Amino acid sequence: MLRVLCSVCALLLLAAAPPRVGNAIHVGEDITVAGPRQVRNAICFFCSMRIDGAARSNLVVAAGNLYLNGPVHRDIVVLGGNVTMTGKATVEGSLVVFGGHLYRDPAATIGRGRVVIRPIVFLPILLILAAILAGLIFLLRMLSPAERSGFPPLSRY
């Protein structure tokens, strides 16, 4: 499990790196790799990805779905979305789906293994993290004096 979490962190850090030739990093815009085209790394936030060609390296999808109809030579991480693998889909590395479902054709292959954490497990974890964050914000606001804000209090009239 630690290896999977380290892989997720490493792949998300890839999004901060400047894109190289053959990489696709999109926010809010779907990624499509058609037919004979290839992509190295593909990272997609708040969008979906369709791979009909080949992916030479890693695929990361956050808050979107992945449709896979070709080979992926490394790992796939999908956070908060579903993965659909057709009969032509092959993954040489690992497949991690956190907060979604895996729909896999029996002819599709996954190399090193898969981890699928369904939404029923994902939602309570997300709610706990949100509650902790809200509690920290509440405590910080209660403990800090109003004079630190730099603004005078508003009058009631």
Protein backbone atom coordinates (compact mmCIF):
# COMPACT_ATOMS: atom_id res chain seq x y z
CA MET A 1 0.00 0.00 0.00
CA LEU A 2 2.92 2.33 0.78
CA ARG A 3 4.30 1.71 -2.70
CA VAL A 4 0.97 2.66 -4.25
CA LEU A 5 0.76 5.89 -2.21
CA CYS A 6 4.34 6.79 -3.17
CA SER A 7 3.46 6.17 -6.82
CA VAL A 8 0.41 8.42 -6.54
CA CYS A 9 2.48 11.22 -4.99
CA ALA A 10 5.20 10.87 -7.62
CA LEU A 11 2.67 10.96 -10.45
CA LEU A 12 0.95 14.03 -9.03
CA LEU A 13 4.32 15.78 -8.77
CA LEU A 14 4.76 15.08 -12.48
CA ALA A 15 1.91 17.52 -13.08
CA ALA A 16 4.03 20.33 -11.63
CA ALA A 17 6.93 19.58 -13.96
CA PRO A 18 7.17 21.50 -17.23
CA PRO A 19 5.74 19.45 -20.07
CA ARG A 20 8.13 17.70 -22.44
CA VAL A 21 7.43 16.72 -26.03
CA GLY A 22 4.78 14.03 -26.12
CA ASN A 23 3.32 14.86 -22.69
CA ALA A 24 -0.28 15.95 -22.21
CA ILE A 25 -1.30 17.90 -19.11
CA HIS A 26 -4.85 19.25 -19.16
CA VAL A 27 -7.17 20.85 -16.62
CA GLY A 28 -10.87 20.76 -17.49
CA GLU A 29 -10.26 19.66 -21.09
CA ASP A 30 -10.52 16.02 -22.18
CA ILE A 31 -7.47 14.19 -23.55
CA THR A 32 -7.88 11.92 -26.58
CA VAL A 33 -5.04 9.86 -28.06
CA ALA A 34 -6.40 8.48 -31.31
CA GLY A 35 -5.32 5.54 -33.48
CA PRO A 36 -1.59 5.46 -34.25
CA ARG A 37 -0.74 8.47 -32.06
CA GLN A 38 1.30 8.03 -28.88
CA VAL A 39 1.74 10.02 -25.70
CA ARG A 40 4.43 9.77 -23.01
CA ASN A 41 2.77 10.97 -19.81
CA ALA A 42 -0.84 12.11 -19.72
CA ILE A 43 -2.23 13.95 -16.71
CA CYS A 44 -5.80 15.14 -16.57
CA PHE A 45 -7.52 17.09 -13.76
CA PHE A 46 -11.32 17.53 -13.81
CA CYS A 47 -11.58 15.90 -17.25
CA SER A 48 -11.67 12.49 -18.92
CA MET A 49 -9.12 10.62 -20.99
CA ARG A 50 -9.58 8.32 -23.99
CA ILE A 51 -6.59 6.28 -25.14
CA ASP A 52 -7.03 4.50 -28.48
CA GLY A 53 -3.34 4.80 -29.35
CA ALA A 54 -0.48 4.03 -26.96
CA ALA A 55 0.84 5.57 -23.77
CA ARG A 56 4.61 5.19 -23.32
CA SER A 57 4.60 6.08 -19.65
CA ASN A 58 2.13 6.98 -16.88
CA LEU A 59 -1.50 8.06 -16.97
CA VAL A 60 -3.09 10.10 -14.15
CA VAL A 61 -6.76 11.12 -14.11
CA ALA A 62 -8.21 13.11 -11.21
CA ALA A 63 -12.00 13.65 -11.06
CA GLY A 64 -12.64 12.09 -14.45
CA ASN A 65 -12.96 8.78 -16.30
CA LEU A 66 -10.48 6.76 -18.34
CA TYR A 67 -11.40 4.78 -21.46
CA LEU A 68 -8.53 2.52 -22.46
CA ASN A 69 -8.37 0.80 -25.84
CA GLY A 70 -4.61 0.45 -26.30
CA PRO A 71 -1.35 -0.32 -24.49
CA VAL A 72 0.04 1.57 -21.50
CA HIS A 73 3.70 0.82 -20.77
CA ARG A 74 3.78 2.03 -17.15
CA ASP A 75 1.26 2.81 -14.39
CA ILE A 76 -2.27 4.23 -14.26
CA VAL A 77 -3.76 6.20 -11.36
CA VAL A 78 -7.40 7.33 -11.40
CA LEU A 79 -8.73 9.38 -8.48
CA GLY A 80 -12.49 9.82 -8.26
CA GLY A 81 -13.42 8.24 -11.59
CA ASN A 82 -14.04 5.01 -13.46
CA VAL A 83 -11.77 2.96 -15.74
CA THR A 84 -13.11 1.10 -18.78
CA MET A 85 -10.72 -1.38 -20.42
CA THR A 86 -11.57 -2.97 -23.77
CA GLY A 87 -10.19 -6.24 -25.12
CA LYS A 88 -7.23 -4.42 -26.74
CA ALA A 89 -6.18 -2.71 -23.49
CA THR A 90 -2.94 -3.75 -21.82
CA VAL A 91 -1.27 -2.22 -18.79
CA GLU A 92 2.32 -3.28 -18.17
CA GLY A 93 2.51 -1.59 -14.76
CA SER A 94 0.04 -1.16 -11.92
CA LEU A 95 -3.52 0.14 -12.01
CA VAL A 96 -4.87 2.17 -9.06
CA VAL A 97 -8.49 3.31 -8.96
CA PHE A 98 -9.35 5.37 -5.87
CA GLY A 99 -13.02 6.27 -5.55
CA GLY A 100 -14.30 4.62 -8.71
CA HIS A 101 -14.99 1.36 -10.51
CA LEU A 102 -13.04 -0.81 -12.94
CA TYR A 103 -14.94 -2.16 -15.96
CA ARG A 104 -12.61 -4.67 -17.60
CA ASP A 105 -13.02 -6.88 -20.64
CA PRO A 106 -11.76 -10.44 -19.91
CA ALA A 107 -9.19 -10.08 -22.71
CA ALA A 108 -7.65 -6.94 -21.15
CA THR A 109 -4.43 -7.49 -19.20
CA ILE A 110 -2.92 -5.77 -16.17
CA GLY A 111 0.77 -6.42 -15.50
CA ARG A 112 1.86 -5.89 -11.90
CA GLY A 113 -1.49 -5.68 -10.16
CA ARG A 114 -4.45 -3.53 -9.43
CA VAL A 115 -5.90 -1.70 -6.46
CA VAL A 116 -9.54 -0.60 -6.64
CA ILE A 117 -11.02 1.37 -3.75
CA ARG A 118 -14.71 1.82 -4.42
CA PRO A 119 -16.62 5.07 -3.77
CA ILE A 120 -18.32 3.65 -0.69
CA VAL A 121 -14.87 3.60 0.97
CA PHE A 122 -13.68 6.78 -0.74
CA LEU A 123 -16.52 9.00 0.47
CA PRO A 124 -16.05 8.46 4.24
CA ILE A 125 -12.30 9.09 3.90
CA LEU A 126 -13.03 12.32 2.03
CA LEU A 127 -15.60 13.39 4.63
CA ILE A 128 -13.19 12.70 7.50
CA LEU A 129 -10.47 14.77 5.83
CA ALA A 130 -12.93 17.61 5.20
CA ALA A 131 -14.08 17.51 8.85
CA ILE A 132 -10.49 17.66 10.09
CA LEU A 133 -9.73 20.60 7.81
CA ALA A 134 -12.89 22.44 8.89
CA GLY A 135 -12.03 21.82 12.55
CA LEU A 136 -8.52 23.22 12.07
CA ILE A 137 -9.86 26.33 10.36
CA PHE A 138 -12.42 26.82 13.13
CA LEU A 139 -9.76 26.48 15.85
CA LEU A 140 -7.41 28.90 14.12
CA ARG A 141 -10.17 31.49 13.77
CA MET A 142 -11.21 31.10 17.40
CA LEU A 143 -7.66 31.32 18.75
CA SER A 144 -6.47 34.28 16.70
CA PRO A 145 -7.48 37.72 17.97
CA ALA A 146 -9.53 39.97 15.70
CA GLU A 147 -6.88 42.73 15.90
CA ARG A 148 -4.49 40.63 13.80
CA SER A 149 -6.69 40.95 10.74
CA GLY A 150 -5.47 44.51 10.11
CA PHE A 151 -8.99 45.79 9.51
CA PRO A 152 -11.18 47.60 12.03
CA PRO A 153 -14.42 45.91 13.02
CA LEU A 154 -17.49 46.84 10.99
CA SER A 155 -20.12 49.04 12.58
CA ARG A 156 -23.59 47.63 13.08
CA TYR A 157 -25.35 50.72 11.67
